[in-house]
Amino acid sequence: MKKYFLFIPFIFLLFPNILIANTNIVFIDMDKIMSTSIAGKSILNQLNDINEKRLKDLEKIAKDLKNKEKNLLLKKIF
């Protein structure tokens, strides 16, 4: 059994190209894909619509809070 454990590393030392991995590193430009593909354009449009709706809601809430603040200040004075 010990002979096999000694033999396996010896094989890797004799044939080092077995250990060399052949890998390719690829970079994907996701911004370009999102802006040029049909699905990407659709997703960006949907996200922009959602963003606009939420901004309008936040502006409305901010306006309501300012009005409430003014009313409280007026009540505090009187």
N, C-alpha and C. Protein backbone atom coordinates (compact mmCIF):
# COMPACT_ATOMS: atom_id res chain seq x y z
N MET A 1 0.82 -1.19 0.00
CA MET A 1 0.00 0.00 0.00
C MET A 1 0.87 1.26 0.00
N LYS A 2 1.95 1.25 0.79
CA LYS A 2 2.84 2.39 0.85
C LYS A 2 3.55 2.58 -0.48
N LYS A 3 3.75 1.50 -1.20
CA LYS A 3 4.42 1.61 -2.49
C LYS A 3 3.59 2.43 -3.46
N TYR A 4 2.29 2.27 -3.41
CA TYR A 4 1.43 3.04 -4.30
C TYR A 4 1.47 4.53 -3.97
N PHE A 5 1.51 4.85 -2.68
CA PHE A 5 1.58 6.25 -2.27
C PHE A 5 2.88 6.90 -2.69
N LEU A 6 3.94 6.14 -2.76
CA LEU A 6 5.21 6.67 -3.21
C LEU A 6 5.29 6.74 -4.73
N PHE A 7 4.58 5.86 -5.39
CA PHE A 7 4.63 5.79 -6.84
C PHE A 7 3.84 6.92 -7.51
N ILE A 8 2.71 7.31 -6.93
CA ILE A 8 1.85 8.35 -7.53
C ILE A 8 2.56 9.70 -7.60
N PRO A 9 3.19 10.20 -6.55
CA PRO A 9 3.91 11.48 -6.70
C PRO A 9 5.07 11.38 -7.67
N PHE A 10 5.69 10.23 -7.77
CA PHE A 10 6.79 10.04 -8.70
C PHE A 10 6.32 10.19 -10.14
N ILE A 11 5.12 9.70 -10.46
CA ILE A 11 4.56 9.84 -11.81
C ILE A 11 4.34 11.32 -12.14
N PHE A 12 3.82 12.07 -11.17
CA PHE A 12 3.58 13.50 -11.41
C PHE A 12 4.88 14.27 -11.61
N LEU A 13 5.94 13.81 -10.97
CA LEU A 13 7.24 14.47 -11.16
C LEU A 13 7.83 14.16 -12.53
N LEU A 14 7.57 12.97 -13.05
CA LEU A 14 8.09 12.60 -14.36
C LEU A 14 7.33 13.29 -15.49
N PHE A 15 6.03 13.48 -15.31
CA PHE A 15 5.20 14.09 -16.35
C PHE A 15 4.56 15.38 -15.81
N PRO A 16 5.29 16.47 -15.79
CA PRO A 16 4.76 17.70 -15.19
C PRO A 16 3.65 18.35 -16.02
N ASN A 17 3.56 18.04 -17.31
CA ASN A 17 2.51 18.65 -18.11
C ASN A 17 1.13 18.13 -17.74
N ILE A 18 1.04 17.05 -16.98
CA ILE A 18 -0.25 16.58 -16.47
C ILE A 18 -0.81 17.60 -15.48
N LEU A 19 0.09 18.23 -14.73
CA LEU A 19 -0.34 19.17 -13.69
C LEU A 19 -0.69 20.55 -14.23
N ILE A 20 -0.26 20.88 -15.41
CA ILE A 20 -0.51 22.21 -15.97
C ILE A 20 -1.95 22.29 -16.46
N ALA A 21 -2.66 23.28 -15.97
CA ALA A 21 -4.05 23.47 -16.35
C ALA A 21 -4.12 24.41 -17.55
N ASN A 22 -4.97 24.10 -18.49
CA ASN A 22 -5.17 24.94 -19.65
C ASN A 22 -6.46 25.73 -19.43
N THR A 23 -6.32 26.97 -18.95
CA THR A 23 -7.50 27.78 -18.65
C THR A 23 -7.48 29.05 -19.47
N ASN A 24 -8.66 29.53 -19.79
CA ASN A 24 -8.81 30.80 -20.49
C ASN A 24 -9.54 31.76 -19.57
N ILE A 25 -9.01 32.95 -19.44
CA ILE A 25 -9.66 33.98 -18.64
C ILE A 25 -10.40 34.91 -19.59
N VAL A 26 -11.69 35.08 -19.32
CA VAL A 26 -12.54 35.88 -20.20
C VAL A 26 -13.22 36.95 -19.36
N PHE A 27 -13.26 38.17 -19.88
CA PHE A 27 -13.95 39.27 -19.22
C PHE A 27 -15.18 39.65 -20.06
N ILE A 28 -16.29 39.86 -19.37
CA ILE A 28 -17.53 40.22 -20.05
C ILE A 28 -17.89 41.65 -19.67
N ASP A 29 -18.16 42.48 -20.67
CA ASP A 29 -18.57 43.86 -20.43
C ASP A 29 -20.10 43.88 -20.28
N MET A 30 -20.54 43.79 -19.03
CA MET A 30 -21.98 43.69 -18.75
C MET A 30 -22.71 44.99 -19.11
N ASP A 31 -22.04 46.13 -19.00
CA ASP A 31 -22.69 47.39 -19.35
C ASP A 31 -23.04 47.41 -20.84
N LYS A 32 -22.13 46.93 -21.66
CA LYS A 32 -22.38 46.91 -23.10
C LYS A 32 -23.51 45.93 -23.43
N ILE A 33 -23.50 44.78 -22.79
CA ILE A 33 -24.54 43.78 -23.04
C ILE A 33 -25.90 44.32 -22.62
N MET A 34 -25.95 44.98 -21.45
CA MET A 34 -27.23 45.51 -20.96
C MET A 34 -27.75 46.64 -21.83
N SER A 35 -26.85 47.40 -22.42
CA SER A 35 -27.31 48.54 -23.21
C SER A 35 -27.60 48.18 -24.67
N THR A 36 -27.11 47.05 -25.16
CA THR A 36 -27.31 46.71 -26.57
C THR A 36 -28.31 45.57 -26.80
N SER A 37 -28.49 44.69 -25.83
CA SER A 37 -29.40 43.56 -26.06
C SER A 37 -30.85 43.98 -25.81
N ILE A 38 -31.76 43.27 -26.41
CA ILE A 38 -33.19 43.57 -26.27
C ILE A 38 -33.63 43.34 -24.83
N ALA A 39 -33.22 42.22 -24.26
CA ALA A 39 -33.60 41.91 -22.88
C ALA A 39 -33.00 42.93 -21.92
N GLY A 40 -31.76 43.31 -22.15
CA GLY A 40 -31.12 44.30 -21.30
C GLY A 40 -31.81 45.65 -21.35
N LYS A 41 -32.19 46.06 -22.56
CA LYS A 41 -32.90 47.34 -22.71
C LYS A 41 -34.23 47.29 -21.97
N SER A 42 -34.93 46.16 -22.08
CA SER A 42 -36.22 46.01 -21.41
C SER A 42 -36.05 46.11 -19.90
N ILE A 43 -35.06 45.43 -19.38
CA ILE A 43 -34.82 45.46 -17.93
C ILE A 43 -34.46 46.87 -17.47
N LEU A 44 -33.62 47.54 -18.23
CA LEU A 44 -33.24 48.92 -17.86
C LEU A 44 -34.45 49.85 -17.88
N ASN A 45 -35.33 49.69 -18.87
CA ASN A 45 -36.54 50.51 -18.92
C ASN A 45 -37.44 50.24 -17.72
N GLN A 46 -37.59 48.97 -17.36
CA GLN A 46 -38.42 48.62 -16.21
C GLN A 46 -37.82 49.20 -14.92
N LEU A 47 -36.51 49.10 -14.77
CA LEU A 47 -35.86 49.66 -13.58
C LEU A 47 -36.00 51.17 -13.52
N ASN A 48 -35.88 51.84 -14.67
CA ASN A 48 -36.05 53.29 -14.70
C ASN A 48 -37.47 53.69 -14.33
N ASP A 49 -38.47 52.94 -14.81
CA ASP A 49 -39.86 53.23 -14.47
C ASP A 49 -40.09 53.08 -12.96
N ILE A 50 -39.58 52.00 -12.41
CA ILE A 50 -39.73 51.77 -10.97
C ILE A 50 -39.04 52.88 -10.18
N ASN A 51 -37.86 53.28 -10.64
CA ASN A 51 -37.12 54.35 -9.96
C ASN A 51 -37.89 55.66 -10.00
N GLU A 52 -38.47 56.00 -11.14
CA GLU A 52 -39.24 57.24 -11.26
C GLU A 52 -40.46 57.21 -10.35
N LYS A 53 -41.16 56.08 -10.29
CA LYS A 53 -42.34 55.98 -9.41
C LYS A 53 -41.95 56.16 -7.96
N ARG A 54 -40.87 55.55 -7.55
CA ARG A 54 -40.45 55.66 -6.15
C ARG A 54 -39.97 57.06 -5.83
N LEU A 55 -39.31 57.72 -6.78
CA LEU A 55 -38.89 59.10 -6.55
C LEU A 55 -40.09 60.02 -6.38
N LYS A 56 -41.13 59.81 -7.20
CA LYS A 56 -42.35 60.61 -7.07
C LYS A 56 -43.00 60.38 -5.72
N ASP A 57 -43.04 59.11 -5.28
CA ASP A 57 -43.62 58.80 -3.98
C ASP A 57 -42.83 59.47 -2.86
N LEU A 58 -41.50 59.42 -2.95
CA LEU A 58 -40.67 60.05 -1.92
C LEU A 58 -40.83 61.56 -1.91
N GLU A 59 -40.97 62.18 -3.08
CA GLU A 59 -41.19 63.62 -3.14
C GLU A 59 -42.53 63.99 -2.51
N LYS A 60 -43.53 63.15 -2.75
CA LYS A 60 -44.85 63.40 -2.17
C LYS A 60 -44.79 63.28 -0.65
N ILE A 61 -44.10 62.27 -0.16
CA ILE A 61 -43.96 62.09 1.29
C ILE A 61 -43.19 63.26 1.89
N ALA A 62 -42.14 63.71 1.23
CA ALA A 62 -41.36 64.84 1.73
C ALA A 62 -42.21 66.10 1.78
N LYS A 63 -43.04 66.31 0.77
CA LYS A 63 -43.92 67.48 0.74
C LYS A 63 -44.93 67.42 1.89
N ASP A 64 -45.50 66.23 2.11
CA ASP A 64 -46.46 66.07 3.21
C ASP A 64 -45.79 66.32 4.57
N LEU A 65 -44.58 65.82 4.73
CA LEU A 65 -43.88 66.03 6.00
C LEU A 65 -43.56 67.51 6.22
N LYS A 66 -43.20 68.22 5.17
CA LYS A 66 -42.93 69.66 5.31
C LYS A 66 -44.21 70.40 5.70
N ASN A 67 -45.34 70.02 5.09
CA ASN A 67 -46.61 70.66 5.45
C ASN A 67 -46.97 70.38 6.91
N LYS A 68 -46.76 69.15 7.35
CA LYS A 68 -47.04 68.81 8.75
C LYS A 68 -46.13 69.59 9.70
N GLU A 69 -44.86 69.73 9.29
CA GLU A 69 -43.92 70.48 10.11
C GLU A 69 -44.36 71.94 10.22
N LYS A 70 -44.80 72.53 9.13
CA LYS A 70 -45.28 73.92 9.15
C LYS A 70 -46.49 74.05 10.07
N ASN A 71 -47.41 73.09 9.95
CA ASN A 71 -48.62 73.14 10.80
C ASN A 71 -48.25 73.02 12.27
N LEU A 72 -47.31 72.14 12.59
CA LEU A 72 -46.90 72.00 13.99
C LEU A 72 -46.23 73.27 14.50
N LEU A 73 -45.41 73.89 13.66
CA LEU A 73 -44.77 75.13 14.08
C LEU A 73 -45.79 76.24 14.29
N LEU A 74 -46.79 76.29 13.43
CA LEU A 74 -47.85 77.30 13.61
C LEU A 74 -48.63 77.05 14.87
N LYS A 75 -48.91 75.79 15.19
CA LYS A 75 -49.64 75.46 16.42
C LYS A 75 -48.80 75.77 17.64
N LYS A 76 -47.48 75.57 17.52
CA LYS A 76 -46.58 75.83 18.64
C LYS A 76 -46.55 77.33 18.95
N ILE A 77 -46.57 78.15 17.92
CA ILE A 77 -46.51 79.59 18.12
C ILE A 77 -47.79 80.09 18.80
N PHE A 78 -48.92 79.56 18.40
CA PHE A 78 -50.20 80.03 18.95
C PHE A 78 -50.55 79.21 20.10
